[in-house]
Amino acid sequence: MSGRFTKTAPAAIECHLTMDLVKGVANYIALDADKESEKNYRPSEKGLKETLVMMDAGYFDIGYLEKISKSGGFFIVRAKANINPLVVAKYNKMGTKLSHKEMKLKELKTKNHDFVDMDVKWAKTNTPLRIIQFYDRKRKGKGYLITNLDRDQFKGNKVLSLYGLRWQIELFFKELKSFCSLKKVNTGNANIVKTLIWASILTLIVKRYVALSVCILWQTIISTQKTCRSSLCWFPKLMNYLNSDEQDMRLLDEIFIFISKNCGRSNTKRDKETEMFTSGLIPYFQIKHLESELHKKRA
């Protein structure tokens, strides 16, 4: 499969992933050549009713976003840098309306670090949309998020914070590359490449499943990253358990005890301040555990 980076490697693949943040698991995974468009792997708008979907700029398409709105769904998507809709209104971080004369986005005299919340119109859609201009530290310039979330309920800063939850998908890929041997494959055989990639992905799914199982069964907060990193200590035992005819439950208990003692999240105070916590994406028992740990520290 040819890739975009032929100067550094002869081929490259791209993994397209849809992740459920509430459950903390991947619910759709596909592989394709890196040169193929991400738009071919977007979730169907018909299944996004009452769902908030967050996507990177590669998935940006006004027509697709309009379909999500009409299906009763919501979105926060990073827009491309070359967008130029008509800006009909401007607001500050607190949602207060500012004086403004209608003009194209590129005509606005704003600095890179300026935060601007705007109502915009595209010629090819009648769906009301918001664009939030923010400072993109990675690109050292203006960045844009487009959303259909109501401003009264979701101020500009809240939208930015919610979009930050998409970082969970990057952590999934980080665990794949760092702890499941998915970084570089030294073979030109396409079938071997696909087999090794899917083996890495399935291995991570098993590791995350075990981590979340311990999280629920032991009523504690488990780090999926630590669970993956320590898998040399427990993963072979899990395979022995699964391959055993008798399947001794004591071996499974040993695995769960090890993970519960060694793979807990290390900074509960920081966890309580994250968007994952304040948005209700951390299970109830974890919230109670965090509150208990904080109470102990204060005492």
Protein backbone atom coordinates (compact mmCIF):
# COMPACT_ATOMS: atom_id res chain seq x y z
CA MET A 1 0.00 0.00 0.00
CA SER A 2 1.51 3.31 -1.01
CA GLY A 3 1.70 6.09 1.53
CA ARG A 4 2.17 9.83 1.76
CA PHE A 5 5.64 9.58 3.30
CA THR A 6 7.59 7.70 0.67
CA LYS A 7 10.83 9.49 1.59
CA THR A 8 10.95 7.81 5.01
CA ALA A 9 9.08 4.55 4.34
CA PRO A 10 7.91 2.68 1.24
CA ALA A 11 4.36 2.27 2.48
CA ALA A 12 2.01 3.39 5.24
CA ILE A 13 -1.38 2.38 6.58
CA GLU A 14 -3.99 4.29 8.53
CA CYS A 15 -6.23 2.95 11.25
CA HIS A 16 -9.71 4.50 11.32
CA LEU A 17 -11.24 4.29 14.76
CA THR A 18 -14.56 5.25 16.29
CA MET A 19 -14.43 5.25 20.08
CA ASP A 20 -17.23 5.28 22.64
CA LEU A 21 -16.06 7.64 25.40
CA VAL A 22 -18.82 6.57 27.79
CA LYS A 23 -17.69 2.93 27.71
CA GLY A 24 -14.03 3.67 27.02
CA VAL A 25 -13.84 1.15 24.17
CA ALA A 26 -13.48 1.14 20.39
CA ASN A 27 -16.67 0.20 18.56
CA TYR A 28 -15.40 0.45 14.97
CA ILE A 29 -11.94 -0.15 13.50
CA ALA A 30 -10.85 -0.26 9.85
CA LEU A 31 -7.51 -0.33 8.03
CA ASP A 32 -6.64 1.22 4.69
CA ALA A 33 -3.80 2.82 2.77
CA ASP A 34 -2.69 6.12 4.28
CA LYS A 35 -3.47 7.96 1.06
CA GLU A 36 -7.20 7.11 1.23
CA SER A 37 -9.65 9.76 2.48
CA GLU A 38 -10.84 9.61 6.09
CA LYS A 39 -14.32 10.61 4.89
CA ASN A 40 -14.91 7.05 3.69
CA TYR A 41 -14.88 5.88 7.31
CA ARG A 42 -17.19 8.37 9.01
CA PRO A 43 -19.99 6.92 11.15
CA SER A 44 -23.42 7.05 9.52
CA GLU A 45 -25.36 10.14 10.57
CA LYS A 46 -28.45 7.93 10.98
CA GLY A 47 -26.95 6.35 14.10
CA LEU A 48 -25.92 9.60 15.77
CA LYS A 49 -29.27 10.76 17.19
CA GLU A 50 -28.75 12.37 20.64
CA THR A 51 -25.04 11.64 20.29
CA LEU A 52 -22.12 14.06 20.42
CA VAL A 53 -19.50 13.14 17.82
CA MET A 54 -16.04 14.73 17.73
CA MET A 55 -13.82 14.47 14.66
CA ASP A 56 -10.55 15.82 13.32
CA ALA A 57 -10.26 18.06 10.25
CA GLY A 58 -9.85 15.11 7.89
CA TYR A 59 -13.53 14.27 8.42
CA PHE A 60 -14.76 17.85 7.92
CA ASP A 61 -17.63 18.19 5.43
CA ILE A 62 -20.47 20.71 5.69
CA GLY A 63 -22.97 18.45 3.95
CA TYR A 64 -22.21 15.60 6.35
CA LEU A 65 -22.52 17.88 9.39
CA GLU A 66 -25.90 19.10 8.16
CA LYS A 67 -27.08 15.49 7.95
CA ILE A 68 -26.00 14.91 11.56
CA SER A 69 -28.04 17.93 12.69
CA LYS A 70 -31.11 16.79 10.77
CA SER A 71 -30.77 13.32 12.35
CA GLY A 72 -30.88 14.85 15.83
CA GLY A 73 -27.17 14.49 16.51
CA PHE A 74 -24.52 16.93 17.72
CA PHE A 75 -20.92 17.49 16.73
CA ILE A 76 -17.69 19.30 17.48
CA VAL A 77 -15.35 19.05 14.49
CA ARG A 78 -12.04 20.71 13.78
CA ALA A 79 -12.58 22.77 10.63
CA LYS A 80 -10.03 23.21 7.89
CA ALA A 81 -7.90 26.35 7.91
CA ASN A 82 -9.15 27.54 4.52
CA ILE A 83 -12.85 27.83 5.46
CA ASN A 84 -14.48 31.16 4.69
CA PRO A 85 -18.16 31.28 5.67
CA LEU A 86 -20.20 34.42 6.29
CA VAL A 87 -19.94 35.54 9.93
CA VAL A 88 -23.31 36.94 11.02
CA ALA A 89 -22.66 37.42 14.74
CA LYS A 90 -19.76 37.41 17.25
CA TYR A 91 -19.64 36.52 20.96
CA ASN A 92 -17.00 36.49 23.69
CA LYS A 93 -16.00 33.55 25.90
CA MET A 94 -18.95 34.15 28.22
CA GLY A 95 -21.48 34.18 25.38
CA THR A 96 -22.06 37.94 25.40
CA LYS A 97 -22.91 39.27 21.94
CA LEU A 98 -20.45 41.75 20.47
CA SER A 99 -21.03 44.47 17.88
CA HIS A 100 -20.40 43.12 14.42
CA LYS A 101 -20.99 43.84 10.74
CA GLU A 102 -21.58 40.79 8.55
CA MET A 103 -18.46 39.78 6.63
CA LYS A 104 -16.51 36.74 5.50
CA LEU A 105 -14.36 34.95 8.07
CA LYS A 106 -11.12 35.83 6.29
CA GLU A 107 -12.07 39.52 6.45
CA LEU A 108 -12.18 39.53 10.26
CA LYS A 109 -9.26 41.41 11.74
CA THR A 110 -8.33 39.03 14.54
CA LYS A 111 -4.98 37.98 15.98
CA ASN A 112 -3.81 34.39 16.31
CA HIS A 113 -4.40 34.35 20.07
CA ASP A 114 -7.90 35.87 19.90
CA PHE A 115 -10.81 33.73 21.06
CA VAL A 116 -13.93 34.37 18.97
CA ASP A 117 -17.28 32.55 19.10
CA MET A 118 -19.28 33.13 15.91
CA ASP A 119 -22.59 32.36 14.22
CA VAL A 120 -21.89 31.56 10.58
CA LYS A 121 -23.64 30.70 7.32
CA TRP A 122 -22.51 28.61 4.36
CA ALA A 123 -24.04 29.18 0.95
CA LYS A 124 -24.79 25.48 0.51
CA THR A 125 -26.58 24.85 3.81
CA ASN A 126 -29.31 26.46 5.88
CA THR A 127 -28.29 24.75 9.12
CA PRO A 128 -27.24 27.31 11.79
CA LEU A 129 -23.66 26.66 12.83
CA ARG A 130 -21.10 28.02 15.26
CA ILE A 131 -17.41 28.44 14.65
CA ILE A 132 -15.00 28.96 17.52
CA GLN A 133 -11.64 30.49 16.72
CA PHE A 134 -8.90 29.57 19.19
CA TYR A 135 -5.12 29.58 19.32
CA ASP A 136 -3.72 26.31 18.00
CA ARG A 137 -0.46 25.82 19.89
CA LYS A 138 0.65 22.92 17.68
CA ARG A 139 0.30 24.92 14.46
CA LYS A 140 1.13 28.24 16.16
CA GLY A 141 -1.80 29.99 14.54
CA LYS A 142 -5.57 30.17 14.34
CA GLY A 143 -7.59 27.02 14.80
CA TYR A 144 -11.31 26.54 14.20
CA LEU A 145 -13.93 24.27 15.74
CA ILE A 146 -17.38 23.97 14.19
CA THR A 147 -20.34 22.85 16.28
CA ASN A 148 -24.13 22.88 16.49
CA LEU A 149 -24.23 22.88 20.30
CA ASP A 150 -26.45 25.55 21.83
CA ARG A 151 -24.47 28.54 23.09
CA ASP A 152 -26.66 29.07 26.17
CA GLN A 153 -25.79 25.57 27.40
CA PHE A 154 -22.26 25.32 26.02
CA LYS A 155 -20.11 28.43 26.15
CA GLY A 156 -17.09 28.65 23.88
CA ASN A 157 -14.63 27.50 26.55
CA LYS A 158 -16.84 24.48 27.31
CA VAL A 159 -16.83 23.47 23.65
CA LEU A 160 -13.03 23.62 23.59
CA SER A 161 -12.85 21.57 26.77
CA LEU A 162 -15.24 18.94 25.41
CA TYR A 163 -13.24 18.61 22.22
CA GLY A 164 -10.21 17.88 24.37
CA LEU A 165 -11.87 14.57 25.27
CA ARG A 166 -11.02 13.40 21.78
CA TRP A 167 -7.48 12.98 23.10
CA GLN A 168 -8.65 9.60 24.43
CA ILE A 169 -8.45 8.25 20.90
CA GLU A 170 -4.82 9.36 20.68
CA LEU A 171 -4.09 7.50 23.92
CA PHE A 172 -5.60 4.38 22.33
CA PHE A 173 -3.12 4.69 19.45
CA LYS A 174 -0.29 5.44 21.89
CA GLU A 175 -0.97 2.16 23.71
CA LEU A 176 -1.04 0.35 20.36
CA LYS A 177 2.35 1.70 19.30
CA SER A 178 4.14 1.61 22.65
CA PHE A 179 2.80 -1.56 24.28
CA CYS A 180 1.33 -3.70 21.46
CA SER A 181 4.20 -3.55 18.94
CA LEU A 182 2.31 -1.53 16.33
CA LYS A 183 4.87 0.93 15.05
CA LYS A 184 6.84 -0.51 12.15
CA VAL A 185 6.60 -3.85 10.38
CA ASN A 186 9.71 -5.15 8.57
CA THR A 187 8.03 -7.06 5.75
CA GLY A 188 6.68 -6.31 2.32
CA ASN A 189 4.06 -9.04 2.40
CA ALA A 190 0.66 -7.32 2.63
CA ASN A 191 -1.05 -10.32 4.23
CA ILE A 192 1.60 -10.59 6.95
CA VAL A 193 1.36 -6.85 7.59
CA LYS A 194 -2.43 -6.99 7.98
CA THR A 195 -2.19 -10.05 10.24
CA LEU A 196 0.35 -8.40 12.55
CA ILE A 197 -1.64 -5.16 12.71
CA TRP A 198 -4.89 -6.91 13.57
CA ALA A 199 -3.02 -9.04 16.14
CA SER A 200 -1.78 -5.84 17.82
CA ILE A 201 -5.26 -4.30 17.79
CA LEU A 202 -6.91 -7.43 19.19
CA THR A 203 -4.22 -7.64 21.88
CA LEU A 204 -4.96 -4.08 22.99
CA ILE A 205 -8.72 -4.76 23.01
CA VAL A 206 -8.13 -7.73 25.32
CA LYS A 207 -5.85 -5.69 27.60
CA ARG A 208 -8.40 -2.87 27.83
CA TYR A 209 -11.22 -5.33 28.42
CA VAL A 210 -9.30 -6.82 31.35
CA ALA A 211 -8.47 -3.36 32.74
CA LEU A 212 -12.11 -2.22 32.59
CA SER A 213 -13.29 -5.54 34.04
CA VAL A 214 -11.01 -5.07 37.05
CA CYS A 215 -12.25 -1.49 37.27
CA ILE A 216 -15.87 -2.65 37.56
CA LEU A 217 -15.46 -5.88 39.55
CA TRP A 218 -13.04 -4.41 42.09
CA GLN A 219 -14.74 -1.01 42.26
CA THR A 220 -11.50 0.85 41.72
CA ILE A 221 -9.95 3.21 39.19
CA ILE A 222 -7.60 1.47 36.77
CA SER A 223 -5.19 3.03 34.28
CA THR A 224 -5.40 1.32 30.89
CA GLN A 225 -1.91 2.61 30.10
CA LYS A 226 -0.41 1.00 33.21
CA THR A 227 -2.32 -2.19 32.53
CA CYS A 228 -0.84 -2.37 29.02
CA ARG A 229 2.63 -1.46 30.21
CA SER A 230 2.65 -4.20 32.85
CA SER A 231 1.13 -6.87 30.59
CA LEU A 232 4.37 -8.91 30.53
CA CYS A 233 3.60 -9.72 34.16
CA TRP A 234 0.03 -10.93 33.67
CA PHE A 235 -0.83 -11.44 29.98
CA PRO A 236 0.95 -14.85 29.66
CA LYS A 237 -1.00 -16.03 32.71
CA LEU A 238 -4.24 -14.92 31.06
CA MET A 239 -3.37 -16.91 27.92
CA ASN A 240 -2.59 -19.95 30.08
CA TYR A 241 -5.94 -19.55 31.80
CA LEU A 242 -7.81 -19.32 28.50
CA ASN A 243 -5.96 -22.31 27.02
CA SER A 244 -6.42 -24.50 30.09
CA ASP A 245 -9.15 -27.12 30.02
CA GLU A 246 -9.88 -26.63 33.71
CA GLN A 247 -9.57 -22.82 33.75
CA ASP A 248 -8.59 -22.45 37.39
CA MET A 249 -10.32 -19.32 38.71
CA ARG A 250 -7.47 -18.79 41.17
CA LEU A 251 -5.22 -17.88 38.26
CA LEU A 252 -7.74 -15.28 37.10
CA ASP A 253 -8.01 -13.90 40.63
CA GLU A 254 -4.23 -13.62 40.75
CA ILE A 255 -4.26 -11.56 37.55
CA PHE A 256 -7.01 -9.27 38.80
CA ILE A 257 -5.33 -8.76 42.16
CA PHE A 258 -2.06 -7.83 40.46
CA ILE A 259 -3.76 -5.26 38.21
CA SER A 260 -5.83 -3.77 41.04
CA LYS A 261 -2.71 -3.28 43.18
CA ASN A 262 -0.28 -2.09 40.51
CA CYS A 263 -2.30 -0.37 37.78
CA GLY A 264 -4.39 2.20 39.63
CA ARG A 265 -4.48 5.79 38.47
CA SER A 266 -1.89 7.83 40.32
CA ASN A 267 -3.37 11.32 40.55
CA THR A 268 -6.97 11.25 41.76
CA LYS A 269 -6.98 14.98 42.49
CA ARG A 270 -6.13 15.76 38.88
CA ASP A 271 -8.71 13.23 37.68
CA LYS A 272 -11.45 15.05 39.57
CA GLU A 273 -10.63 18.24 37.69
CA THR A 274 -10.70 16.72 34.20
CA GLU A 275 -13.48 17.06 31.64
CA MET A 276 -13.97 13.28 31.82
CA PHE A 277 -15.05 13.71 35.45
CA THR A 278 -17.09 16.90 35.15
CA SER A 279 -18.91 15.61 32.05
CA GLY A 280 -20.04 12.46 33.85
CA LEU A 281 -17.96 10.06 31.74
CA ILE A 282 -16.40 8.46 34.81
CA PRO A 283 -18.63 5.71 36.28
CA TYR A 284 -20.49 6.50 39.50
CA PHE A 285 -18.45 4.12 41.67
CA GLN A 286 -15.25 5.77 40.41
CA ILE A 287 -16.60 9.18 41.34
CA LYS A 288 -17.38 7.96 44.86
CA HIS A 289 -13.89 6.45 45.06
CA LEU A 290 -12.30 9.73 43.97
CA GLU A 291 -14.34 11.63 46.55
CA SER A 292 -13.28 9.14 49.23
CA GLU A 293 -9.59 9.46 48.30
CA LEU A 294 -9.78 13.25 48.32
CA HIS A 295 -11.49 13.21 51.69
CA LYS A 296 -8.71 11.02 53.12
CA LYS A 297 -6.04 13.39 51.80
CA ARG A 298 -7.76 16.43 53.28
CA ALA A 299 -8.09 14.66 56.64
